[in-house]
C-alpha atoms as a PDB file:
ATOM      1  CA  UNK A   1     108.984  47.646  92.762  1.00  0.00           C
ATOM      2  CA  UNK A   2     107.921  49.905  95.651  1.00  0.00           C
ATOM      3  CA  UNK A   3     105.981  48.242  98.415  1.00  0.00           C
ATOM      4  CA  UNK A   4     105.367  48.698 102.114  1.00  0.00           C
ATOM      5  CA  UNK A   5     106.179  45.609 104.176  1.00  0.00           C
ATOM      6  CA  UNK A   6     104.220  44.961 107.368  1.00  0.00           C
ATOM      7  CA  UNK A   7     106.111  42.388 109.415  1.00  0.00           C
ATOM      8  CA  UNK A   8     105.257  41.904 113.065  1.00  0.00           C
ATOM      9  CA  UNK A   9     106.715  39.192 115.326  1.00  0.00           C
ATOM     10  CA  UNK A  10     103.489  37.215 115.713  1.00  0.00           C
ATOM     11  CA  UNK A  11     102.480  36.979 112.059  1.00  0.00           C
ATOM     12  CA  UNK A  12     104.367  33.762 111.231  1.00  0.00           C
ATOM     13  CA  UNK A  13     103.466  31.904 114.429  1.00  0.00           C
ATOM     14  CA  UNK A  14      99.783  32.825 114.174  1.00  0.00           C
ATOM     15  CA  UNK A  15      99.650  31.812 110.516  1.00  0.00           C
ATOM     16  CA  UNK A  16     101.399  28.506 111.212  1.00  0.00           C
ATOM     17  CA  UNK A  17      98.983  27.752 114.048  1.00  0.00           C
ATOM     18  CA  UNK A  18      95.943  28.456 111.895  1.00  0.00           C
ATOM     19  CA  UNK A  19      97.276  26.355 109.014  1.00  0.00           C
ATOM     20  CA  UNK A  20      97.858  23.460 111.424  1.00  0.00           C
ATOM     21  CA  UNK A  21      94.323  23.851 112.711  1.00  0.00           C
ATOM     22  CA  UNK A  22      92.904  23.645 109.203  1.00  0.00           C
ATOM     23  CA  UNK A  23      95.093  20.632 108.410  1.00  0.00           C
ATOM     24  CA  UNK A  24      93.701  18.607 111.301  1.00  0.00           C
ATOM     25  CA  UNK A  25      90.539  16.890 110.075  1.00  0.00           C
ATOM     26  CA  UNK A  26      88.762  14.286 112.165  1.00  0.00           C
ATOM     27  CA  UNK A  27      88.224  10.846 110.598  1.00  0.00           C
ATOM     28  CA  UNK A  28      84.435  11.086 110.955  1.00  0.00           C
ATOM     29  CA  UNK A  29      84.382  14.389 109.065  1.00  0.00           C
ATOM     30  CA  UNK A  30      86.568  12.973 106.285  1.00  0.00           C
ATOM     31  CA  UNK A  31      84.409   9.874 105.907  1.00  0.00           C
ATOM     32  CA  UNK A  32      81.212  11.914 105.682  1.00  0.00           C
ATOM     33  CA  UNK A  33      82.548  14.533 103.264  1.00  0.00           C
ATOM     34  CA  UNK A  34      80.646  14.577  99.937  1.00  0.00           C
ATOM     35  CA  UNK A  35      82.561  13.074  97.017  1.00  0.00           C
ATOM     36  CA  UNK A  36      80.882  15.435  94.542  1.00  0.00           C
ATOM     37  CA  UNK A  37      82.585  18.890  94.517  1.00  0.00           C
ATOM     38  CA  UNK A  38      79.269  20.655  93.942  1.00  0.00           C
ATOM     39  CA  UNK A  39      77.611  18.859  96.870  1.00  0.00           C
ATOM     40  CA  UNK A  40      80.578  19.835  99.044  1.00  0.00           C
ATOM     41  CA  UNK A  41      80.249  23.428  97.861  1.00  0.00           C
ATOM     42  CA  UNK A  42      76.564  23.525  98.791  1.00  0.00           C
ATOM     43  CA  UNK A  43      77.407  22.254 102.270  1.00  0.00           C
ATOM     44  CA  UNK A  44      80.169  24.822 102.638  1.00  0.00           C
ATOM     45  CA  UNK A  45      77.834  27.654 101.645  1.00  0.00           C
ATOM     46  CA  UNK A  46      75.564  26.794 104.560  1.00  0.00           C
ATOM     47  CA  UNK A  47      78.332  26.811 107.157  1.00  0.00           C
ATOM     48  CA  UNK A  48      78.376  29.837 109.423  1.00  0.00           C
ATOM     49  CA  UNK A  49      81.727  31.444 110.230  1.00  0.00           C
ATOM     50  CA  UNK A  50      83.351  30.567 113.533  1.00  0.00           C
ATOM     51  CA  UNK A  51      83.443  33.821 115.544  1.00  0.00           C
ATOM     52  CA  UNK A  52      86.635  32.648 117.262  1.00  0.00           C
ATOM     53  CA  UNK A  53      88.331  32.856 113.858  1.00  0.00           C
ATOM     54  CA  UNK A  54      86.247  35.426 112.011  1.00  0.00           C
ATOM     55  CA  UNK A  55      85.889  37.910 114.857  1.00  0.00           C
ATOM     56  CA  UNK A  56      82.807  39.957 115.677  1.00  0.00           C
ATOM     57  CA  UNK A  57      80.963  42.919 114.223  1.00  0.00           C
ATOM     58  CA  UNK A  58      82.393  46.242 115.344  1.00  0.00           C
ATOM     59  CA  UNK A  59      79.897  47.425 118.008  1.00  0.00           C
ATOM     60  CA  UNK A  60      80.213  51.047 116.915  1.00  0.00           C
ATOM     61  CA  UNK A  61      78.540  50.318 113.558  1.00  0.00           C
ATOM     62  CA  UNK A  62      74.862  49.894 112.793  1.00  0.00           C
ATOM     63  CA  UNK A  63      74.400  46.911 110.456  1.00  0.00           C
ATOM     64  CA  UNK A  64      71.181  46.551 108.504  1.00  0.00           C
ATOM     65  CA  UNK A  65      70.191  44.448 105.523  1.00  0.00           C
ATOM     66  CA  UNK A  66      68.903  45.838 102.255  1.00  0.00           C
ATOM     67  CA  UNK A  67      67.917  44.317  98.940  1.00  0.00           C
ATOM     68  CA  UNK A  68      69.242  45.754  95.719  1.00  0.00           C
ATOM     69  CA  UNK A  69      66.620  45.511  92.986  1.00  0.00           C
ATOM     70  CA  UNK A  70      68.762  45.106  89.888  1.00  0.00           C
ATOM     71  CA  UNK A  71      67.660  44.251  86.336  1.00  0.00           C
ATOM     72  CA  UNK A  72      66.274  40.709  86.453  1.00  0.00           C
ATOM     73  CA  UNK A  73      67.467  39.878  89.959  1.00  0.00           C
ATOM     74  CA  UNK A  74      67.475  40.916  93.609  1.00  0.00           C
ATOM     75  CA  UNK A  75      70.665  40.803  95.663  1.00  0.00           C
ATOM     76  CA  UNK A  76      71.151  40.918  99.413  1.00  0.00           C
ATOM     77  CA  UNK A  77      73.564  43.419 100.901  1.00  0.00           C
ATOM     78  CA  UNK A  78      74.420  44.494 104.436  1.00  0.00           C
ATOM     79  CA  UNK A  79      75.173  48.104 105.305  1.00  0.00           C
ATOM     80  CA  UNK A  80      77.582  49.135 108.066  1.00  0.00           C
ATOM     81  CA  UNK A  81      77.469  52.766 109.122  1.00  0.00           C
ATOM     82  CA  UNK A  82      79.754  54.572 111.539  1.00  0.00           C
ATOM     83  CA  UNK A  83      78.108  56.400 114.419  1.00  0.00           C
ATOM     84  CA  UNK A  84      77.131  59.505 112.527  1.00  0.00           C
ATOM     85  CA  UNK A  85      74.100  60.673 110.613  1.00  0.00           C
ATOM     86  CA  UNK A  86      76.232  62.801 108.318  1.00  0.00           C
ATOM     87  CA  UNK A  87      76.538  61.582 104.706  1.00  0.00           C
ATOM     88  CA  UNK A  88      79.718  59.630 104.140  1.00  0.00           C
ATOM     89  CA  UNK A  89      81.596  58.081 101.212  1.00  0.00           C
ATOM     90  CA  UNK A  90      80.211  54.640 100.317  1.00  0.00           C
ATOM     91  CA  UNK A  91      82.375  51.537  99.873  1.00  0.00           C
ATOM     92  CA  UNK A  92      80.950  48.626  97.867  1.00  0.00           C
ATOM     93  CA  UNK A  93      82.685  45.545  99.278  1.00  0.00           C
ATOM     94  CA  UNK A  94      82.845  42.115  97.601  1.00  0.00           C
ATOM     95  CA  UNK A  95      83.719  38.984  99.605  1.00  0.00           C
ATOM     96  CA  UNK A  96      86.101  36.233  98.514  1.00  0.00           C
ATOM     97  CA  UNK A  97      85.422  32.571  97.838  1.00  0.00           C
ATOM     98  CA  UNK A  98      86.919  31.583  94.504  1.00  0.00           C
ATOM     99  CA  UNK A  99      83.905  32.916  92.561  1.00  0.00           C
ATOM    100  CA  UNK A 100      81.889  29.888  93.784  1.00  0.00           C
ATOM    101  CA  UNK A 101      81.597  30.407  97.544  1.00  0.00           C
ATOM    102  CA  UNK A 102      81.779  32.945 100.313  1.00  0.00           C
ATOM    103  CA  UNK A 103      79.175  35.155 101.905  1.00  0.00           C
ATOM    104  CA  UNK A 104      78.974  38.599 103.467  1.00  0.00           C
ATOM    105  CA  UNK A 105      78.614  36.850 106.846  1.00  0.00           C
ATOM    106  CA  UNK A 106      82.192  35.573 106.580  1.00  0.00           C
ATOM    107  CA  UNK A 107      83.794  39.021 106.713  1.00  0.00           C
ATOM    108  CA  UNK A 108      81.650  41.083 109.071  1.00  0.00           C
ATOM    109  CA  UNK A 109      84.533  41.902 111.399  1.00  0.00           C
ATOM    110  CA  UNK A 110      86.463  43.340 108.469  1.00  0.00           C
ATOM    111  CA  UNK A 111      83.613  45.181 106.767  1.00  0.00           C
ATOM    112  CA  UNK A 112      82.269  46.697 109.965  1.00  0.00           C
ATOM    113  CA  UNK A 113      85.796  47.552 111.094  1.00  0.00           C
ATOM    114  CA  UNK A 114      86.508  49.328 107.808  1.00  0.00           C
ATOM    115  CA  UNK A 115      83.289  51.308 108.226  1.00  0.00           C
ATOM    116  CA  UNK A 116      84.230  52.354 111.752  1.00  0.00           C
ATOM    117  CA  UNK A 117      87.906  53.023 111.069  1.00  0.00           C
ATOM    118  CA  UNK A 118      87.386  54.736 107.735  1.00  0.00           C
ATOM    119  CA  UNK A 119      84.280  56.676 108.799  1.00  0.00           C
ATOM    120  CA  UNK A 120      82.634  55.393 105.625  1.00  0.00           C
ATOM    121  CA  UNK A 121      79.463  53.497 104.804  1.00  0.00           C
ATOM    122  CA  UNK A 122      80.338  49.943 103.763  1.00  0.00           C
ATOM    123  CA  UNK A 123      77.834  48.031 101.639  1.00  0.00           C
ATOM    124  CA  UNK A 124      78.806  44.347 101.642  1.00  0.00           C
ATOM    125  CA  UNK A 125      77.214  42.544  98.687  1.00  0.00           C
ATOM    126  CA  UNK A 126      76.238  38.923  98.159  1.00  0.00           C
ATOM    127  CA  UNK A 127      76.866  38.740  94.420  1.00  0.00           C
ATOM    128  CA  UNK A 128      75.896  35.740  92.286  1.00  0.00           C
ATOM    129  CA  UNK A 129      78.200  32.729  92.297  1.00  0.00           C
ATOM    130  CA  UNK A 130      79.279  30.022  89.866  1.00  0.00           C
ATOM    131  CA  UNK A 131      78.534  27.339  88.827  1.00  0.00           C
ATOM    132  CA  UNK A 132      74.928  28.542  88.838  1.00  0.00           C
ATOM    133  CA  UNK A 133      76.034  31.954  87.584  1.00  0.00           C
ATOM    134  CA  UNK A 134      79.411  31.856  85.770  1.00  0.00           C
ATOM    135  CA  UNK A 135      81.305  34.839  84.395  1.00  0.00           C
ATOM    136  CA  UNK A 136      80.215  37.593  83.861  1.00  0.00           C
ATOM    137  CA  UNK A 137      77.387  37.351  86.411  1.00  0.00           C
ATOM    138  CA  UNK A 138      79.411  38.482  89.433  1.00  0.00           C
ATOM    139  CA  UNK A 139      81.025  41.250  87.411  1.00  0.00           C
ATOM    140  CA  UNK A 140      77.633  42.449  86.186  1.00  0.00           C
ATOM    141  CA  UNK A 141      76.428  42.447  89.791  1.00  0.00           C
ATOM    142  CA  UNK A 142      79.342  44.648  90.857  1.00  0.00           C
ATOM    143  CA  UNK A 143      78.747  47.117  88.020  1.00  0.00           C
ATOM    144  CA  UNK A 144      74.984  47.267  88.539  1.00  0.00           C
ATOM    145  CA  UNK A 145      75.444  47.604  92.307  1.00  0.00           C
ATOM    146  CA  UNK A 146      77.669  50.640  91.711  1.00  0.00           C
ATOM    147  CA  UNK A 147      74.908  52.179  89.585  1.00  0.00           C
ATOM    148  CA  UNK A 148      72.306  51.345  92.239  1.00  0.00           C
ATOM    149  CA  UNK A 149      74.378  52.953  94.988  1.00  0.00           C
ATOM    150  CA  UNK A 150      74.771  56.136  92.954  1.00  0.00           C
ATOM    151  CA  UNK A 151      71.021  56.307  92.401  1.00  0.00           C
ATOM    152  CA  UNK A 152      70.177  55.485  96.048  1.00  0.00           C
ATOM    153  CA  UNK A 153      72.960  57.313  97.823  1.00  0.00           C
ATOM    154  CA  UNK A 154      70.556  59.115 100.163  1.00  0.00           C
ATOM    155  CA  UNK A 155      69.004  55.789 101.165  1.00  0.00           C
ATOM    156  CA  UNK A 156      72.360  54.373 102.257  1.00  0.00           C
ATOM    157  CA  UNK A 157      73.724  57.610 103.708  1.00  0.00           C
ATOM    158  CA  UNK A 158      76.195  58.352 100.929  1.00  0.00           C
ATOM    159  CA  UNK A 159      77.686  61.718 100.047  1.00  0.00           C
ATOM    160  CA  UNK A 160      78.262  60.945  96.365  1.00  0.00           C
ATOM    161  CA  UNK A 161      81.769  59.526  96.618  1.00  0.00           C
ATOM    162  CA  UNK A 162      82.047  55.811  95.865  1.00  0.00           C
ATOM    163  CA  UNK A 163      84.807  53.230  96.413  1.00  0.00           C
ATOM    164  CA  UNK A 164      84.888  49.595  95.288  1.00  0.00           C
ATOM    165  CA  UNK A 165      86.881  46.965  97.136  1.00  0.00           C
ATOM    166  CA  UNK A 166      87.048  43.317  97.957  1.00  0.00           C
ATOM    167  CA  UNK A 167      88.978  40.270  98.990  1.00  0.00           C
ATOM    168  CA  UNK A 168      90.382  37.575  96.691  1.00  0.00           C
ATOM    169  CA  UNK A 169      87.695  36.806  94.065  1.00  0.00           C
ATOM    170  CA  UNK A 170      85.858  39.929  95.193  1.00  0.00           C
ATOM    171  CA  UNK A 171      88.997  41.977  94.583  1.00  0.00           C
ATOM    172  CA  UNK A 172      89.216  40.545  91.063  1.00  0.00           C
ATOM    173  CA  UNK A 173      85.606  41.586  90.467  1.00  0.00           C
ATOM    174  CA  UNK A 174      86.394  45.073  91.782  1.00  0.00           C
ATOM    175  CA  UNK A 175      89.387  45.412  89.453  1.00  0.00           C
ATOM    176  CA  UNK A 176      87.365  44.088  86.514  1.00  0.00           C
ATOM    177  CA  UNK A 177      84.503  46.456  87.240  1.00  0.00           C
ATOM    178  CA  UNK A 178      86.881  49.417  87.127  1.00  0.00           C
ATOM    179  CA  UNK A 179      88.189  48.275  83.737  1.00  0.00           C
ATOM    180  CA  UNK A 180      84.693  47.875  82.300  1.00  0.00           C
ATOM    181  CA  UNK A 181      83.549  51.214  83.713  1.00  0.00           C
ATOM    182  CA  UNK A 182      86.522  52.950  82.092  1.00  0.00           C
ATOM    183  CA  UNK A 183      86.087  51.213  78.741  1.00  0.00           C
ATOM    184  CA  UNK A 184      82.331  51.841  78.623  1.00  0.00           C
ATOM    185  CA  UNK A 185      82.614  55.478  79.777  1.00  0.00           C
ATOM    186  CA  UNK A 186      80.651  54.750  82.941  1.00  0.00           C
ATOM    187  CA  UNK A 187      81.329  56.741  86.111  1.00  0.00           C
ATOM    188  CA  UNK A 188      84.475  55.468  87.788  1.00  0.00           C
ATOM    189  CA  UNK A 189      84.790  54.769  91.508  1.00  0.00           C
ATOM    190  CA  UNK A 190      86.934  57.235  93.404  1.00  0.00           C
ATOM    191  CA  UNK A 191      89.244  54.477  94.685  1.00  0.00           C
ATOM    192  CA  UNK A 192      89.719  50.715  94.445  1.00  0.00           C
ATOM    193  CA  UNK A 193      90.853  48.498  97.320  1.00  0.00           C
ATOM    194  CA  UNK A 194      92.163  45.112  96.191  1.00  0.00           C
ATOM    195  CA  UNK A 195      93.060  42.583  98.879  1.00  0.00           C
ATOM    196  CA  UNK A 196      95.159  39.609  97.638  1.00  0.00           C
ATOM    197  CA  UNK A 197      93.464  39.654  94.219  1.00  0.00           C
ATOM    198  CA  UNK A 198      93.606  36.816  91.630  1.00  0.00           C
ATOM    199  CA  UNK A 199      94.159  38.799  88.442  1.00  0.00           C
ATOM    200  CA  UNK A 200      95.144  36.128  85.942  1.00  0.00           C
ATOM    201  CA  UNK A 201      94.510  32.436  85.318  1.00  0.00           C
ATOM    202  CA  UNK A 202      97.110  29.714  84.952  1.00  0.00           C
ATOM    203  CA  UNK A 203      99.847  31.813  86.572  1.00  0.00           C
ATOM    204  CA  UNK A 204     103.405  30.499  86.613  1.00  0.00           C
ATOM    205  CA  UNK A 205     104.918  32.959  89.043  1.00  0.00           C
ATOM    206  CA  UNK A 206     107.505  32.687  91.783  1.00  0.00           C
ATOM    207  CA  UNK A 207     104.809  32.954  94.454  1.00  0.00           C
ATOM    208  CA  UNK A 208     102.823  30.160  92.758  1.00  0.00           C
ATOM    209  CA  UNK A 209     105.867  27.895  92.731  1.00  0.00           C
ATOM    210  CA  UNK A 210     106.726  28.700  96.350  1.00  0.00           C
ATOM    211  CA  UNK A 211     103.324  28.795  98.035  1.00  0.00           C
ATOM    212  CA  UNK A 212     100.714  26.919  96.025  1.00  0.00           C
ATOM    213  CA  UNK A 213      98.826  24.744  98.490  1.00  0.00           C
ATOM    214  CA  UNK A 214      99.419  27.077 101.440  1.00  0.00           C
ATOM    215  CA  UNK A 215      95.760  27.440 102.522  1.00  0.00           C
ATOM    216  CA  UNK A 216      94.593  27.237  98.893  1.00  0.00           C
ATOM    217  CA  UNK A 217      95.751  26.269  95.407  1.00  0.00           C
ATOM    218  CA  UNK A 218      95.651  28.169  92.131  1.00  0.00           C
ATOM    219  CA  UNK A 219      96.926  25.245  90.058  1.00  0.00           C
ATOM    220  CA  UNK A 220      95.549  25.381  86.485  1.00  0.00           C
ATOM    221  CA  UNK A 221      92.392  23.398  85.802  1.00  0.00           C
ATOM    222  CA  UNK A 222      90.966  23.597  89.317  1.00  0.00           C
ATOM    223  CA  UNK A 223      87.280  22.790  89.707  1.00  0.00           C
ATOM    224  CA  UNK A 224      86.239  26.299  90.786  1.00  0.00           C
ATOM    225  CA  UNK A 225      88.048  27.929  87.871  1.00  0.00           C
ATOM    226  CA  UNK A 226      86.375  25.658  85.327  1.00  0.00           C
ATOM    227  CA  UNK A 227      82.980  26.530  86.804  1.00  0.00           C
ATOM    228  CA  UNK A 228      83.556  30.286  86.675  1.00  0.00           C
ATOM    229  CA  UNK A 229      85.755  31.166  83.710  1.00  0.00           C
ATOM    230  CA  UNK A 230      84.355  31.003  80.175  1.00  0.00           C
ATOM    231  CA  UNK A 231      86.063  28.640  77.721  1.00  0.00           C
ATOM    232  CA  UNK A 232      88.562  30.035  75.244  1.00  0.00           C
ATOM    233  CA  UNK A 233      90.381  33.328  75.449  1.00  0.00           C
ATOM    234  CA  UNK A 234      89.531  35.256  78.596  1.00  0.00           C
ATOM    235  CA  UNK A 235      88.538  38.938  78.456  1.00  0.00           C
ATOM    236  CA  UNK A 236      90.554  41.430  80.471  1.00  0.00           C
ATOM    237  CA  UNK A 237      87.562  42.026  82.742  1.00  0.00           C
ATOM    238  CA  UNK A 238      87.985  38.421  83.942  1.00  0.00           C
ATOM    239  CA  UNK A 239      91.787  38.541  84.158  1.00  0.00           C
ATOM    240  CA  UNK A 240      92.763  42.214  84.603  1.00  0.00           C
ATOM    241  CA  UNK A 241      96.508  41.562  84.369  1.00  0.00           C
ATOM    242  CA  UNK A 242      95.962  40.772  80.684  1.00  0.00           C
ATOM    243  CA  UNK A 243      94.555  44.235  79.968  1.00  0.00           C
ATOM    244  CA  UNK A 244      96.760  46.026  77.461  1.00  0.00           C
ATOM    245  CA  UNK A 245      96.352  49.401  79.158  1.00  0.00           C
ATOM    246  CA  UNK A 246      95.546  50.288  82.765  1.00  0.00           C
ATOM    247  CA  UNK A 247      95.632  54.055  82.377  1.00  0.00           C
ATOM    248  CA  UNK A 248      92.664  56.075  83.566  1.00  0.00           C
ATOM    249  CA  UNK A 249      91.712  53.667  86.348  1.00  0.00           C
ATOM    250  CA  UNK A 250      90.972  54.811  89.926  1.00  0.00           C
ATOM    251  CA  UNK A 251      93.824  55.096  92.437  1.00  0.00           C
ATOM    252  CA  UNK A 252      94.386  51.782  94.186  1.00  0.00           C
ATOM    253  CA  UNK A 253      95.267  50.367  97.568  1.00  0.00           C
ATOM    254  CA  UNK A 254      96.496  46.800  97.029  1.00  0.00           C
ATOM    255  CA  UNK A 255      97.160  44.339  99.861  1.00  0.00           C
ATOM    256  CA  UNK A 256      99.255  41.202  99.397  1.00  0.00           C
ATOM    257  CA  UNK A 257     100.109  38.239 101.623  1.00  0.00           C
ATOM    258  CA  UNK A 258     103.717  37.109 101.762  1.00  0.00           C
ATOM    259  CA  UNK A 259     102.897  33.366 101.768  1.00  0.00           C
ATOM    260  CA  UNK A 260     100.180  33.453  99.135  1.00  0.00           C
ATOM    261  CA  UNK A 261     100.460  31.909  95.648  1.00  0.00           C
ATOM    262  CA  UNK A 262      98.687  35.081  94.466  1.00  0.00           C
ATOM    263  CA  UNK A 263     101.273  37.420  95.990  1.00  0.00           C
ATOM    264  CA  UNK A 264     102.874  38.175  92.637  1.00  0.00           C
ATOM    265  CA  UNK A 265      99.530  39.102  91.051  1.00  0.00           C
ATOM    266  CA  UNK A 266      99.281  41.971  93.532  1.00  0.00           C
ATOM    267  CA  UNK A 267     102.884  43.029  92.899  1.00  0.00           C
ATOM    268  CA  UNK A 268     102.520  42.883  89.126  1.00  0.00           C
ATOM    269  CA  UNK A 269      99.253  44.827  89.092  1.00  0.00           C
ATOM    270  CA  UNK A 270     100.667  47.581  91.281  1.00  0.00           C
ATOM    271  CA  UNK A 271     103.647  47.880  88.963  1.00  0.00           C
ATOM    272  CA  UNK A 272     101.426  47.938  85.862  1.00  0.00           C
ATOM    273  CA  UNK A 273      99.144  50.594  87.325  1.00  0.00           C
ATOM    274  CA  UNK A 274     102.066  52.833  88.210  1.00  0.00           C
ATOM    275  CA  UNK A 275     103.643  52.350  84.800  1.00  0.00           C
ATOM    276  CA  UNK A 276     100.370  53.508  83.225  1.00  0.00           C
ATOM    277  CA  UNK A 277     100.127  56.595  85.427  1.00  0.00           C
ATOM    278  CA  UNK A 278      97.741  55.353  88.126  1.00  0.00           C
ATOM    279  CA  UNK A 279      98.583  55.937  91.797  1.00  0.00           C
ATOM    280  CA  UNK A 280      98.913  52.550  93.500  1.00  0.00           C
ATOM    281  CA  UNK A 281      99.878  51.809  97.089  1.00  0.00           C
ATOM    282  CA  UNK A 282     101.068  48.223  97.637  1.00  0.00           C
ATOM    283  CA  UNK A 283     101.171  46.878 101.193  1.00  0.00           C
ATOM    284  CA  UNK A 284     102.493  43.346 101.726  1.00  0.00           C
ATOM    285  CA  UNK A 285     101.932  41.392 104.934  1.00  0.00           C
ATOM    286  CA  UNK A 286     105.025  39.252 105.473  1.00  0.00           C
ATOM    287  CA  UNK A 287     104.679  35.589 106.545  1.00  0.00           C
ATOM    288  CA  UNK A 288     100.895  35.816 106.236  1.00  0.00           C
ATOM    289  CA  UNK A 289      98.593  33.557 104.229  1.00  0.00           C
ATOM    290  CA  UNK A 290      95.860  34.254 101.716  1.00  0.00           C
ATOM    291  CA  UNK A 291      92.455  35.305 103.125  1.00  0.00           C
ATOM    292  CA  UNK A 292      93.930  36.713 106.337  1.00  0.00           C
ATOM    293  CA  UNK A 293      91.149  39.321 106.506  1.00  0.00           C
ATOM    294  CA  UNK A 294      88.690  36.450 107.030  1.00  0.00           C
ATOM    295  CA  UNK A 295      90.415  35.461 110.282  1.00  0.00           C
ATOM    296  CA  UNK A 296      91.020  38.594 112.369  1.00  0.00           C
ATOM    297  CA  UNK A 297      89.974  36.691 115.481  1.00  0.00           C
ATOM    298  CA  UNK A 298      93.293  34.821 115.425  1.00  0.00           C
ATOM    299  CA  UNK A 299      95.475  36.703 112.933  1.00  0.00           C
ATOM    300  CA  UNK A 300      96.911  40.051 113.999  1.00  0.00           C
ATOM    301  CA  UNK A 301      97.644  40.704 110.316  1.00  0.00           C
ATOM    302  CA  UNK A 302      93.889  40.728 109.656  1.00  0.00           C
ATOM    303  CA  UNK A 303      93.248  43.240 112.422  1.00  0.00           C
ATOM    304  CA  UNK A 304      96.151  45.394 111.246  1.00  0.00           C
ATOM    305  CA  UNK A 305      94.833  45.351 107.676  1.00  0.00           C
ATOM    306  CA  UNK A 306      91.344  46.446 108.747  1.00  0.00           C
ATOM    307  CA  UNK A 307      92.880  49.423 110.551  1.00  0.00           C
ATOM    308  CA  UNK A 308      95.158  50.183 107.596  1.00  0.00           C
ATOM    309  CA  UNK A 309      92.299  50.164 105.076  1.00  0.00           C
ATOM    310  CA  UNK A 310      90.266  52.430 107.305  1.00  0.00           C
ATOM    311  CA  UNK A 311      93.159  54.871 107.709  1.00  0.00           C
ATOM    312  CA  UNK A 312      93.846  54.805 103.960  1.00  0.00           C
ATOM    313  CA  UNK A 313      90.226  55.657 103.168  1.00  0.00           C
ATOM    314  CA  UNK A 314      90.181  58.479 105.712  1.00  0.00           C
ATOM    315  CA  UNK A 315      93.334  59.948 104.199  1.00  0.00           C
ATOM    316  CA  UNK A 316      92.049  59.600 100.635  1.00  0.00           C
ATOM    317  CA  UNK A 317      88.450  60.721 101.123  1.00  0.00           C
ATOM    318  CA  UNK A 318      87.918  62.731 104.305  1.00  0.00           C
END
């Protein structure tokens, strides 16, 4: 296994402090929390990110909202452009949230920072979520959004090159979209960026045994999983690590967190891609938790990763 390790002195202390902050819940909040998981999810979807944790939009970008008119539905997206009127590569970015939550508002520091650092146009998409829209709705949204961006590249300032990336559930959708595009002979993205992706279901890995419950749990049978995944055998587009063959996929940048139950998914996918002839760069952030890109306001690892993704895209595309 070949991986780059990013390990800076503050990573562990900052992660520990944030985990302690999340663990402290006032008694009034606990008493008023909805007992129904779906009611709690609806409340969570309405909550705005805390800028102290999530950071702020990079002031050098020019965010604007657009609506993607896709077959049978309209999706909201937000575009972040660097300070140039020249056409640039376009990055379709998909937020995390366990396939049931999350919003483009949660990750604006990261998406705008990637646009500025990479000198690319980032299109951050609010794809459909379970339980209202289970698999394959989010995957279909990613694939159709790629088609839309190819057709409307002038409208978004694109130069014809297209990257797909995302965080957590969004990274799984990005990986699945690349598999479907390959298998259906659709145009492939030029690169995929997968940040701490969940690429299987019911994992029994070392990282699961060591870190499940650190910020989140991937224990089998969780409520979110049962809302999203179809019953029975899962297709490779839902669980890309189960694909028999990964050859012919776009080159990949994969980010992992050292204290994440999903760490070994990232490691295994990088190894599988390389074994099947696909260039894959694996960067692991030591002592850092899952979803660290959501919290660049307090996690130096998140800020470092934004810069690293931007530099990687510049090197690969410009």
